[in-house]
Amino acid sequence: LERKLKPLTWYEITGEILNNSMEFGGIDASMDIDTVLKVDSISDL
């Protein structure tokens, strides 16, 4: 509701790629995923 992010919809995300960062509890190292972004902006496609 707050972010107006609708599920199954494409968005363009910009931000800082986290790489072995301790921000957010080191989430980028603990999960089996390709990229973790600290978001600056989210815009509709």
ModelCIF file with pLDDT and N, C-alpha, C, O atoms, coordinates in Angstrom:
data_MODEL
#
_entry.id   MODEL 
#
_entity.id                         1 
_entity.type                       polymer 
_entity.pdbx_number_of_molecules   1 
#
_entity_poly.entity_id                      1 
_entity_poly.type                           'polypeptide(L)' 
_entity_poly.nstd_linkage                   no 
_entity_poly.nstd_monomer                   no 
_entity_poly.pdbx_seq_one_letter_code       LERKLKPLTWYEITGEILNNSMEFGGIDASMDIDTVLKVDSISDL 
_entity_poly.pdbx_seq_one_letter_code_can   LERKLKPLTWYEITGEILNNSMEFGGIDASMDIDTVLKVDSISDL 
_entity_poly.pdbx_strand_id                 A 
#
loop_
_entity_poly_seq.entity_id 
_entity_poly_seq.num 
_entity_poly_seq.mon_id 
_entity_poly_seq.hetero 
1 1  LEU n 
1 2  GLU n 
1 3  ARG n 
1 4  LYS n 
1 5  LEU n 
1 6  LYS n 
1 7  PRO n 
1 8  LEU n 
1 9  THR n 
1 10 TRP n 
1 11 TYR n 
1 12 GLU n 
1 13 ILE n 
1 14 THR n 
1 15 GLY n 
1 16 GLU n 
1 17 ILE n 
1 18 LEU n 
1 19 ASN n 
1 20 ASN n 
1 21 SER n 
1 22 MET n 
1 23 GLU n 
1 24 PHE n 
1 25 GLY n 
1 26 GLY n 
1 27 ILE n 
1 28 ASP n 
1 29 ALA n 
1 30 SER n 
1 31 MET n 
1 32 ASP n 
1 33 ILE n 
1 34 ASP n 
1 35 THR n 
1 36 VAL n 
1 37 LEU n 
1 38 LYS n 
1 39 VAL n 
1 40 ASP n 
1 41 SER n 
1 42 ILE n 
1 43 SER n 
1 44 ASP n 
1 45 LEU n 
#
_struct_asym.id          A 
_struct_asym.entity_id   1 
#
loop_
_ma_qa_metric.id 
_ma_qa_metric.mode 
_ma_qa_metric.name 
_ma_qa_metric.software_group_id 
_ma_qa_metric.type 
1 global pLDDT . pLDDT 
2 local  pLDDT . pLDDT 
#
_ma_qa_metric_global.metric_id      1 
_ma_qa_metric_global.metric_value   89.42 
_ma_qa_metric_global.model_id       1 
_ma_qa_metric_global.ordinal_id     1 
#
loop_
_ma_qa_metric_local.label_asym_id 
_ma_qa_metric_local.label_comp_id 
_ma_qa_metric_local.label_seq_id 
_ma_qa_metric_local.metric_id 
_ma_qa_metric_local.metric_value 
_ma_qa_metric_local.model_id 
_ma_qa_metric_local.ordinal_id 
A LEU 1  2 93.00 1 1  
A GLU 2  2 89.00 1 2  
A ARG 3  2 87.00 1 3  
A LYS 4  2 88.00 1 4  
A LEU 5  2 89.00 1 5  
A LYS 6  2 90.00 1 6  
A PRO 7  2 94.00 1 7  
A LEU 8  2 94.00 1 8  
A THR 9  2 93.00 1 9  
A TRP 10 2 93.00 1 10 
A TYR 11 2 94.00 1 11 
A GLU 12 2 93.00 1 12 
A ILE 13 2 92.00 1 13 
A THR 14 2 95.00 1 14 
A GLY 15 2 95.00 1 15 
A GLU 16 2 94.00 1 16 
A ILE 17 2 94.00 1 17 
A LEU 18 2 92.00 1 18 
A ASN 19 2 89.00 1 19 
A ASN 20 2 87.00 1 20 
A SER 21 2 87.00 1 21 
A MET 22 2 87.00 1 22 
A GLU 23 2 85.00 1 23 
A PHE 24 2 86.00 1 24 
A GLY 25 2 84.00 1 25 
A GLY 26 2 87.00 1 26 
A ILE 27 2 85.00 1 27 
A ASP 28 2 86.00 1 28 
A ALA 29 2 85.00 1 29 
A SER 30 2 83.00 1 30 
A MET 31 2 81.00 1 31 
A ASP 32 2 80.00 1 32 
A ILE 33 2 82.00 1 33 
A ASP 34 2 87.00 1 34 
A THR 35 2 89.00 1 35 
A VAL 36 2 91.00 1 36 
A LEU 37 2 91.00 1 37 
A LYS 38 2 93.00 1 38 
A VAL 39 2 91.00 1 39 
A ASP 40 2 94.00 1 40 
A SER 41 2 92.00 1 41 
A ILE 42 2 91.00 1 42 
A SER 43 2 92.00 1 43 
A ASP 44 2 89.00 1 44 
A LEU 45 2 91.00 1 45 
#
loop_
_atom_site.group_PDB 
_atom_site.id 
_atom_site.type_symbol 
_atom_site.label_atom_id 
_atom_site.label_alt_id 
_atom_site.label_comp_id 
_atom_site.label_asym_id 
_atom_site.label_entity_id 
_atom_site.label_seq_id 
_atom_site.pdbx_PDB_ins_code 
_atom_site.Cartn_x 
_atom_site.Cartn_y 
_atom_site.Cartn_z 
_atom_site.occupancy 
_atom_site.B_iso_or_equiv 
_atom_site.pdbx_formal_charge 
_atom_site.auth_seq_id 
_atom_site.auth_comp_id 
_atom_site.auth_asym_id 
_atom_site.auth_atom_id 
_atom_site.pdbx_PDB_model_num 
ATOM 1   N N  . LEU A 1 1  ? 0.833  -1.209  0.000   1.00 93.00 ? 1  LEU A N  1 
ATOM 2   C CA . LEU A 1 1  ? 0.000  0.000   0.000   1.00 93.00 ? 1  LEU A CA 1 
ATOM 3   C C  . LEU A 1 1  ? 0.863  1.253   0.000   1.00 93.00 ? 1  LEU A C  1 
ATOM 4   O O  . LEU A 1 1  ? 0.601  2.201   -0.740  1.00 93.00 ? 1  LEU A O  1 
ATOM 5   N N  . GLU A 1 2  ? 1.895  1.248   0.837   1.00 89.00 ? 2  GLU A N  1 
ATOM 6   C CA . GLU A 1 2  ? 2.709  2.445   1.019   1.00 89.00 ? 2  GLU A CA 1 
ATOM 7   C C  . GLU A 1 2  ? 3.622  2.712   -0.171  1.00 89.00 ? 2  GLU A C  1 
ATOM 8   O O  . GLU A 1 2  ? 3.764  3.851   -0.616  1.00 89.00 ? 2  GLU A O  1 
ATOM 9   N N  . ARG A 1 3  ? 4.248  1.635   -0.687  1.00 87.00 ? 3  ARG A N  1 
ATOM 10  C CA . ARG A 1 3  ? 5.209  1.795   -1.783  1.00 87.00 ? 3  ARG A CA 1 
ATOM 11  C C  . ARG A 1 3  ? 4.548  1.744   -3.161  1.00 87.00 ? 3  ARG A C  1 
ATOM 12  O O  . ARG A 1 3  ? 5.169  2.047   -4.180  1.00 87.00 ? 3  ARG A O  1 
ATOM 13  N N  . LYS A 1 4  ? 3.259  1.347   -3.164  1.00 88.00 ? 4  LYS A N  1 
ATOM 14  C CA . LYS A 1 4  ? 2.522  1.207   -4.436  1.00 88.00 ? 4  LYS A CA 1 
ATOM 15  C C  . LYS A 1 4  ? 3.247  0.230   -5.374  1.00 88.00 ? 4  LYS A C  1 
ATOM 16  O O  . LYS A 1 4  ? 3.371  0.464   -6.577  1.00 88.00 ? 4  LYS A O  1 
ATOM 17  N N  . LEU A 1 5  ? 3.716  -0.860  -4.784  1.00 89.00 ? 5  LEU A N  1 
ATOM 18  C CA . LEU A 1 5  ? 4.401  -1.910  -5.537  1.00 89.00 ? 5  LEU A CA 1 
ATOM 19  C C  . LEU A 1 5  ? 3.432  -3.056  -5.754  1.00 89.00 ? 5  LEU A C  1 
ATOM 20  O O  . LEU A 1 5  ? 3.059  -3.736  -4.798  1.00 89.00 ? 5  LEU A O  1 
ATOM 21  N N  . LYS A 1 6  ? 3.022  -3.281  -6.976  1.00 90.00 ? 6  LYS A N  1 
ATOM 22  C CA . LYS A 1 6  ? 2.046  -4.328  -7.248  1.00 90.00 ? 6  LYS A CA 1 
ATOM 23  C C  . LYS A 1 6  ? 2.754  -5.638  -7.587  1.00 90.00 ? 6  LYS A C  1 
ATOM 24  O O  . LYS A 1 6  ? 3.659  -5.647  -8.421  1.00 90.00 ? 6  LYS A O  1 
ATOM 25  N N  . PRO A 1 7  ? 2.359  -6.741  -6.957  1.00 94.00 ? 7  PRO A N  1 
ATOM 26  C CA . PRO A 1 7  ? 2.977  -8.035  -7.274  1.00 94.00 ? 7  PRO A CA 1 
ATOM 27  C C  . PRO A 1 7  ? 2.813  -8.404  -8.751  1.00 94.00 ? 7  PRO A C  1 
ATOM 28  O O  . PRO A 1 7  ? 1.839  -8.023  -9.400  1.00 94.00 ? 7  PRO A O  1 
ATOM 29  N N  . LEU A 1 8  ? 3.796  -9.159  -9.264  1.00 94.00 ? 8  LEU A N  1 
ATOM 30  C CA . LEU A 1 8  ? 3.819  -9.617  -10.665 1.00 94.00 ? 8  LEU A CA 1 
ATOM 31  C C  . LEU A 1 8  ? 3.790  -8.462  -11.664 1.00 94.00 ? 8  LEU A C  1 
ATOM 32  O O  . LEU A 1 8  ? 3.223  -8.585  -12.750 1.00 94.00 ? 8  LEU A O  1 
ATOM 33  N N  . THR A 1 9  ? 4.395  -7.363  -11.298 1.00 93.00 ? 9  THR A N  1 
ATOM 34  C CA . THR A 1 9  ? 4.518  -6.202  -12.189 1.00 93.00 ? 9  THR A CA 1 
ATOM 35  C C  . THR A 1 9  ? 6.007  -5.859  -12.291 1.00 93.00 ? 9  THR A C  1 
ATOM 36  O O  . THR A 1 9  ? 6.744  -5.944  -11.309 1.00 93.00 ? 9  THR A O  1 
ATOM 37  N N  . TRP A 1 10 ? 6.434  -5.471  -13.493 1.00 93.00 ? 10 TRP A N  1 
ATOM 38  C CA . TRP A 1 10 ? 7.838  -5.108  -13.704 1.00 93.00 ? 10 TRP A CA 1 
ATOM 39  C C  . TRP A 1 10 ? 8.115  -3.672  -13.249 1.00 93.00 ? 10 TRP A C  1 
ATOM 40  O O  . TRP A 1 10 ? 7.331  -2.763  -13.519 1.00 93.00 ? 10 TRP A O  1 
ATOM 41  N N  . TYR A 1 11 ? 9.242  -3.483  -12.555 1.00 94.00 ? 11 TYR A N  1 
ATOM 42  C CA . TYR A 1 11 ? 9.685  -2.146  -12.141 1.00 94.00 ? 11 TYR A CA 1 
ATOM 43  C C  . TYR A 1 11 ? 11.155 -1.977  -12.485 1.00 94.00 ? 11 TYR A C  1 
ATOM 44  O O  . TYR A 1 11 ? 11.896 -2.950  -12.627 1.00 94.00 ? 11 TYR A O  1 
ATOM 45  N N  . GLU A 1 12 ? 11.559 -0.720  -12.615 1.00 93.00 ? 12 GLU A N  1 
ATOM 46  C CA . GLU A 1 12 ? 12.977 -0.408  -12.797 1.00 93.00 ? 12 GLU A CA 1 
ATOM 47  C C  . GLU A 1 12 ? 13.529 0.035   -11.440 1.00 93.00 ? 12 GLU A C  1 
ATOM 48  O O  . GLU A 1 12 ? 13.021 0.971   -10.823 1.00 93.00 ? 12 GLU A O  1 
ATOM 49  N N  . ILE A 1 13 ? 14.579 -0.657  -10.990 1.00 92.00 ? 13 ILE A N  1 
ATOM 50  C CA . ILE A 1 13 ? 15.148 -0.388  -9.670  1.00 92.00 ? 13 ILE A CA 1 
ATOM 51  C C  . ILE A 1 13 ? 16.566 0.156   -9.837  1.00 92.00 ? 13 ILE A C  1 
ATOM 52  O O  . ILE A 1 13 ? 17.362 -0.398  -10.595 1.00 92.00 ? 13 ILE A O  1 
ATOM 53  N N  . THR A 1 14 ? 16.877 1.232   -9.134  1.00 95.00 ? 14 THR A N  1 
ATOM 54  C CA . THR A 1 14 ? 18.269 1.714   -9.120  1.00 95.00 ? 14 THR A CA 1 
ATOM 55  C C  . THR A 1 14 ? 18.749 1.742   -7.676  1.00 95.00 ? 14 THR A C  1 
ATOM 56  O O  . THR A 1 14 ? 17.965 1.969   -6.754  1.00 95.00 ? 14 THR A O  1 
ATOM 57  N N  . GLY A 1 15 ? 20.045 1.509   -7.488  1.00 95.00 ? 15 GLY A N  1 
ATOM 58  C CA . GLY A 1 15 ? 20.577 1.547   -6.133  1.00 95.00 ? 15 GLY A CA 1 
ATOM 59  C C  . GLY A 1 15 ? 21.992 1.030   -6.075  1.00 95.00 ? 15 GLY A C  1 
ATOM 60  O O  . GLY A 1 15 ? 22.624 0.783   -7.101  1.00 95.00 ? 15 GLY A O  1 
ATOM 61  N N  . GLU A 1 16 ? 22.481 0.870   -4.864  1.00 94.00 ? 16 GLU A N  1 
ATOM 62  C CA . GLU A 1 16 ? 23.863 0.429   -4.626  1.00 94.00 ? 16 GLU A CA 1 
ATOM 63  C C  . GLU A 1 16 ? 23.884 -1.092  -4.477  1.00 94.00 ? 16 GLU A C  1 
ATOM 64  O O  . GLU A 1 16 ? 23.126 -1.650  -3.683  1.00 94.00 ? 16 GLU A O  1 
ATOM 65  N N  . ILE A 1 17 ? 24.757 -1.765  -5.245  1.00 94.00 ? 17 ILE A N  1 
ATOM 66  C CA . ILE A 1 17 ? 24.889 -3.221  -5.125  1.00 94.00 ? 17 ILE A CA 1 
ATOM 67  C C  . ILE A 1 17 ? 25.688 -3.535  -3.855  1.00 94.00 ? 17 ILE A C  1 
ATOM 68  O O  . ILE A 1 17 ? 26.800 -3.039  -3.676  1.00 94.00 ? 17 ILE A O  1 
ATOM 69  N N  . LEU A 1 18 ? 25.111 -4.359  -2.981  1.00 92.00 ? 18 LEU A N  1 
ATOM 70  C CA . LEU A 1 18 ? 25.800 -4.753  -1.749  1.00 92.00 ? 18 LEU A CA 1 
ATOM 71  C C  . LEU A 1 18 ? 26.684 -5.962  -2.038  1.00 92.00 ? 18 LEU A C  1 
ATOM 72  O O  . LEU A 1 18 ? 26.265 -6.899  -2.717  1.00 92.00 ? 18 LEU A O  1 
ATOM 73  N N  . ASN A 1 19 ? 27.888 -5.935  -1.527  1.00 89.00 ? 19 ASN A N  1 
ATOM 74  C CA . ASN A 1 19 ? 28.840 -7.021  -1.747  1.00 89.00 ? 19 ASN A CA 1 
ATOM 75  C C  . ASN A 1 19 ? 29.594 -7.288  -0.450  1.00 89.00 ? 19 ASN A C  1 
ATOM 76  O O  . ASN A 1 19 ? 30.487 -6.532  -0.068  1.00 89.00 ? 19 ASN A O  1 
ATOM 77  N N  . ASN A 1 20 ? 29.217 -8.379  0.224   1.00 87.00 ? 20 ASN A N  1 
ATOM 78  C CA . ASN A 1 20 ? 29.800 -8.716  1.527   1.00 87.00 ? 20 ASN A CA 1 
ATOM 79  C C  . ASN A 1 20 ? 29.724 -7.537  2.504   1.00 87.00 ? 20 ASN A C  1 
ATOM 80  O O  . ASN A 1 20 ? 30.659 -7.257  3.254   1.00 87.00 ? 20 ASN A O  1 
ATOM 81  N N  . SER A 1 21 ? 28.581 -6.865  2.464   1.00 87.00 ? 21 SER A N  1 
ATOM 82  C CA . SER A 1 21 ? 28.367 -5.719  3.352   1.00 87.00 ? 21 SER A CA 1 
ATOM 83  C C  . SER A 1 21 ? 27.685 -6.197  4.635   1.00 87.00 ? 21 SER A C  1 
ATOM 84  O O  . SER A 1 21 ? 26.906 -7.151  4.607   1.00 87.00 ? 21 SER A O  1 
ATOM 85  N N  . MET A 1 22 ? 27.970 -5.548  5.741   1.00 87.00 ? 22 MET A N  1 
ATOM 86  C CA . MET A 1 22 ? 27.298 -5.914  6.995   1.00 87.00 ? 22 MET A CA 1 
ATOM 87  C C  . MET A 1 22 ? 25.981 -5.165  7.171   1.00 87.00 ? 22 MET A C  1 
ATOM 88  O O  . MET A 1 22 ? 25.279 -5.361  8.162   1.00 87.00 ? 22 MET A O  1 
ATOM 89  N N  . GLU A 1 23 ? 25.644 -4.295  6.195   1.00 85.00 ? 23 GLU A N  1 
ATOM 90  C CA . GLU A 1 23 ? 24.345 -3.629  6.260   1.00 85.00 ? 23 GLU A CA 1 
ATOM 91  C C  . GLU A 1 23 ? 23.230 -4.667  6.156   1.00 85.00 ? 23 GLU A C  1 
ATOM 92  O O  . GLU A 1 23 ? 23.380 -5.682  5.476   1.00 85.00 ? 23 GLU A O  1 
ATOM 93  N N  . PHE A 1 24 ? 22.138 -4.413  6.817   1.00 86.00 ? 24 PHE A N  1 
ATOM 94  C CA . PHE A 1 24 ? 20.962 -5.310  6.778   1.00 86.00 ? 24 PHE A CA 1 
ATOM 95  C C  . PHE A 1 24 ? 21.340 -6.736  7.180   1.00 86.00 ? 24 PHE A C  1 
ATOM 96  O O  . PHE A 1 24 ? 20.848 -7.710  6.610   1.00 86.00 ? 24 PHE A O  1 
ATOM 97  N N  . GLY A 1 25 ? 22.222 -6.837  8.173   1.00 84.00 ? 25 GLY A N  1 
ATOM 98  C CA . GLY A 1 25 ? 22.563 -8.151  8.707   1.00 84.00 ? 25 GLY A CA 1 
ATOM 99  C C  . GLY A 1 25 ? 23.330 -9.041  7.755   1.00 84.00 ? 25 GLY A C  1 
ATOM 100 O O  . GLY A 1 25 ? 23.291 -10.263 7.897   1.00 84.00 ? 25 GLY A O  1 
ATOM 101 N N  . GLY A 1 26 ? 24.030 -8.465  6.786   1.00 87.00 ? 26 GLY A N  1 
ATOM 102 C CA . GLY A 1 26 ? 24.810 -9.257  5.837   1.00 87.00 ? 26 GLY A CA 1 
ATOM 103 C C  . GLY A 1 26 ? 23.946 -10.116 4.927   1.00 87.00 ? 26 GLY A C  1 
ATOM 104 O O  . GLY A 1 26 ? 24.304 -11.241 4.581   1.00 87.00 ? 26 GLY A O  1 
ATOM 105 N N  . ILE A 1 27 ? 22.790 -9.555  4.544   1.00 85.00 ? 27 ILE A N  1 
ATOM 106 C CA . ILE A 1 27 ? 21.798 -10.331 3.765   1.00 85.00 ? 27 ILE A CA 1 
ATOM 107 C C  . ILE A 1 27 ? 22.360 -10.805 2.420   1.00 85.00 ? 27 ILE A C  1 
ATOM 108 O O  . ILE A 1 27 ? 21.982 -11.873 1.940   1.00 85.00 ? 27 ILE A O  1 
ATOM 109 N N  . ASP A 1 28 ? 23.249 -10.033 1.814   1.00 86.00 ? 28 ASP A N  1 
ATOM 110 C CA . ASP A 1 28 ? 23.773 -10.406 0.493   1.00 86.00 ? 28 ASP A CA 1 
ATOM 111 C C  . ASP A 1 28 ? 24.663 -11.644 0.563   1.00 86.00 ? 28 ASP A C  1 
ATOM 112 O O  . ASP A 1 28 ? 24.799 -12.364 -0.427  1.00 86.00 ? 28 ASP A O  1 
ATOM 113 N N  . ALA A 1 29 ? 25.265 -11.897 1.715   1.00 85.00 ? 29 ALA A N  1 
ATOM 114 C CA . ALA A 1 29 ? 26.124 -13.079 1.851   1.00 85.00 ? 29 ALA A CA 1 
ATOM 115 C C  . ALA A 1 29 ? 25.332 -14.309 2.287   1.00 85.00 ? 29 ALA A C  1 
ATOM 116 O O  . ALA A 1 29 ? 25.754 -15.440 2.046   1.00 85.00 ? 29 ALA A O  1 
ATOM 117 N N  . SER A 1 30 ? 24.185 -14.088 2.930   1.00 83.00 ? 30 SER A N  1 
ATOM 118 C CA . SER A 1 30 ? 23.456 -15.208 3.538   1.00 83.00 ? 30 SER A CA 1 
ATOM 119 C C  . SER A 1 30 ? 22.442 -15.852 2.606   1.00 83.00 ? 30 SER A C  1 
ATOM 120 O O  . SER A 1 30 ? 21.893 -16.904 2.932   1.00 83.00 ? 30 SER A O  1 
ATOM 121 N N  . MET A 1 31 ? 22.181 -15.244 1.450   1.00 81.00 ? 31 MET A N  1 
ATOM 122 C CA . MET A 1 31 ? 21.152 -15.778 0.562   1.00 81.00 ? 31 MET A CA 1 
ATOM 123 C C  . MET A 1 31 ? 21.722 -16.202 -0.781  1.00 81.00 ? 31 MET A C  1 
ATOM 124 O O  . MET A 1 31 ? 22.660 -15.595 -1.299  1.00 81.00 ? 31 MET A O  1 
ATOM 125 N N  . ASP A 1 32 ? 21.131 -17.264 -1.336  1.00 80.00 ? 32 ASP A N  1 
ATOM 126 C CA . ASP A 1 32 ? 21.612 -17.837 -2.601  1.00 80.00 ? 32 ASP A CA 1 
ATOM 127 C C  . ASP A 1 32 ? 20.958 -17.107 -3.775  1.00 80.00 ? 32 ASP A C  1 
ATOM 128 O O  . ASP A 1 32 ? 20.152 -17.682 -4.507  1.00 80.00 ? 32 ASP A O  1 
ATOM 129 N N  . ILE A 1 33 ? 21.317 -15.833 -3.941  1.00 82.00 ? 33 ILE A N  1 
ATOM 130 C CA . ILE A 1 33 ? 20.760 -15.012 -5.022  1.00 82.00 ? 33 ILE A CA 1 
ATOM 131 C C  . ILE A 1 33 ? 21.872 -14.197 -5.677  1.00 82.00 ? 33 ILE A C  1 
ATOM 132 O O  . ILE A 1 33 ? 22.958 -14.041 -5.120  1.00 82.00 ? 33 ILE A O  1 
ATOM 133 N N  . ASP A 1 34 ? 21.576 -13.677 -6.880  1.00 87.00 ? 34 ASP A N  1 
ATOM 134 C CA . ASP A 1 34 ? 22.620 -13.039 -7.687  1.00 87.00 ? 34 ASP A CA 1 
ATOM 135 C C  . ASP A 1 34 ? 22.987 -11.642 -7.203  1.00 87.00 ? 34 ASP A C  1 
ATOM 136 O O  . ASP A 1 34 ? 24.168 -11.314 -7.088  1.00 87.00 ? 34 ASP A O  1 
ATOM 137 N N  . THR A 1 35 ? 21.983 -10.822 -6.919  1.00 89.00 ? 35 THR A N  1 
ATOM 138 C CA . THR A 1 35 ? 22.246 -9.412  -6.643  1.00 89.00 ? 35 THR A CA 1 
ATOM 139 C C  . THR A 1 35 ? 21.369 -8.911  -5.503  1.00 89.00 ? 35 THR A C  1 
ATOM 140 O O  . THR A 1 35 ? 20.179 -9.219  -5.439  1.00 89.00 ? 35 THR A O  1 
ATOM 141 N N  . VAL A 1 36 ? 21.970 -8.135  -4.605  1.00 91.00 ? 36 VAL A N  1 
ATOM 142 C CA . VAL A 1 36 ? 21.200 -7.429  -3.572  1.00 91.00 ? 36 VAL A CA 1 
ATOM 143 C C  . VAL A 1 36 ? 21.438 -5.932  -3.752  1.00 91.00 ? 36 VAL A C  1 
ATOM 144 O O  . VAL A 1 36 ? 22.577 -5.466  -3.750  1.00 91.00 ? 36 VAL A O  1 
ATOM 145 N N  . LEU A 1 37 ? 20.342 -5.188  -3.909  1.00 91.00 ? 37 LEU A N  1 
ATOM 146 C CA . LEU A 1 37 ? 20.434 -3.737  -4.092  1.00 91.00 ? 37 LEU A CA 1 
ATOM 147 C C  . LEU A 1 37 ? 19.914 -2.993  -2.874  1.00 91.00 ? 37 LEU A C  1 
ATOM 148 O O  . LEU A 1 37 ? 18.846 -3.311  -2.352  1.00 91.00 ? 37 LEU A O  1 
ATOM 149 N N  . LYS A 1 38 ? 20.662 -2.015  -2.430  1.00 93.00 ? 38 LYS A N  1 
ATOM 150 C CA . LYS A 1 38 ? 20.145 -1.045  -1.468  1.00 93.00 ? 38 LYS A CA 1 
ATOM 151 C C  . LYS A 1 38 ? 19.462 0.028   -2.318  1.00 93.00 ? 38 LYS A C  1 
ATOM 152 O O  . LYS A 1 38 ? 20.137 0.789   -3.010  1.00 93.00 ? 38 LYS A O  1 
ATOM 153 N N  . VAL A 1 39 ? 18.149 0.093   -2.270  1.00 91.00 ? 39 VAL A N  1 
ATOM 154 C CA . VAL A 1 39 ? 17.360 0.829   -3.265  1.00 91.00 ? 39 VAL A CA 1 
ATOM 155 C C  . VAL A 1 39 ? 17.443 2.347   -3.095  1.00 91.00 ? 39 VAL A C  1 
ATOM 156 O O  . VAL A 1 39 ? 17.311 2.885   -1.996  1.00 91.00 ? 39 VAL A O  1 
ATOM 157 N N  . ASP A 1 40 ? 17.668 3.013   -4.229  1.00 94.00 ? 40 ASP A N  1 
ATOM 158 C CA . ASP A 1 40 ? 17.554 4.482   -4.271  1.00 94.00 ? 40 ASP A CA 1 
ATOM 159 C C  . ASP A 1 40 ? 16.208 4.885   -4.851  1.00 94.00 ? 40 ASP A C  1 
ATOM 160 O O  . ASP A 1 40 ? 15.548 5.786   -4.334  1.00 94.00 ? 40 ASP A O  1 
ATOM 161 N N  . SER A 1 41 ? 15.794 4.206   -5.946  1.00 92.00 ? 41 SER A N  1 
ATOM 162 C CA . SER A 1 41 ? 14.517 4.584   -6.565  1.00 92.00 ? 41 SER A CA 1 
ATOM 163 C C  . SER A 1 41 ? 13.851 3.371   -7.210  1.00 92.00 ? 41 SER A C  1 
ATOM 164 O O  . SER A 1 41 ? 14.516 2.439   -7.664  1.00 92.00 ? 41 SER A O  1 
ATOM 165 N N  . ILE A 1 42 ? 12.539 3.408   -7.237  1.00 91.00 ? 42 ILE A N  1 
ATOM 166 C CA . ILE A 1 42 ? 11.725 2.377   -7.887  1.00 91.00 ? 42 ILE A CA 1 
ATOM 167 C C  . ILE A 1 42 ? 10.749 3.106   -8.801  1.00 91.00 ? 42 ILE A C  1 
ATOM 168 O O  . ILE A 1 42 ? 9.999  3.971   -8.349  1.00 91.00 ? 42 ILE A O  1 
ATOM 169 N N  . SER A 1 43 ? 10.756 2.753   -10.097 1.00 92.00 ? 43 SER A N  1 
ATOM 170 C CA . SER A 1 43 ? 9.841  3.422   -11.017 1.00 92.00 ? 43 SER A CA 1 
ATOM 171 C C  . SER A 1 43 ? 9.127  2.394   -11.906 1.00 92.00 ? 43 SER A C  1 
ATOM 172 O O  . SER A 1 43 ? 9.666  1.329   -12.206 1.00 92.00 ? 43 SER A O  1 
ATOM 173 N N  . ASP A 1 44 ? 7.907  2.742   -12.314 1.00 89.00 ? 44 ASP A N  1 
ATOM 174 C CA . ASP A 1 44 ? 7.116  1.857   -13.176 1.00 89.00 ? 44 ASP A CA 1 
ATOM 175 C C  . ASP A 1 44 ? 7.777  1.700   -14.532 1.00 89.00 ? 44 ASP A C  1 
ATOM 176 O O  . ASP A 1 44 ? 8.404  2.632   -15.034 1.00 89.00 ? 44 ASP A O  1 
ATOM 177 N N  . LEU A 1 45 ? 7.638  0.531   -15.121 1.00 91.00 ? 45 LEU A N  1 
ATOM 178 C CA . LEU A 1 45 ? 8.037  0.338   -16.515 1.00 91.00 ? 45 LEU A CA 1 
ATOM 179 C C  . LEU A 1 45 ? 6.830  0.643   -17.382 1.00 91.00 ? 45 LEU A C  1 
ATOM 180 O O  . LEU A 1 45 ? 6.911  0.552   -18.607 1.00 91.00 ? 45 LEU A O  1 
#
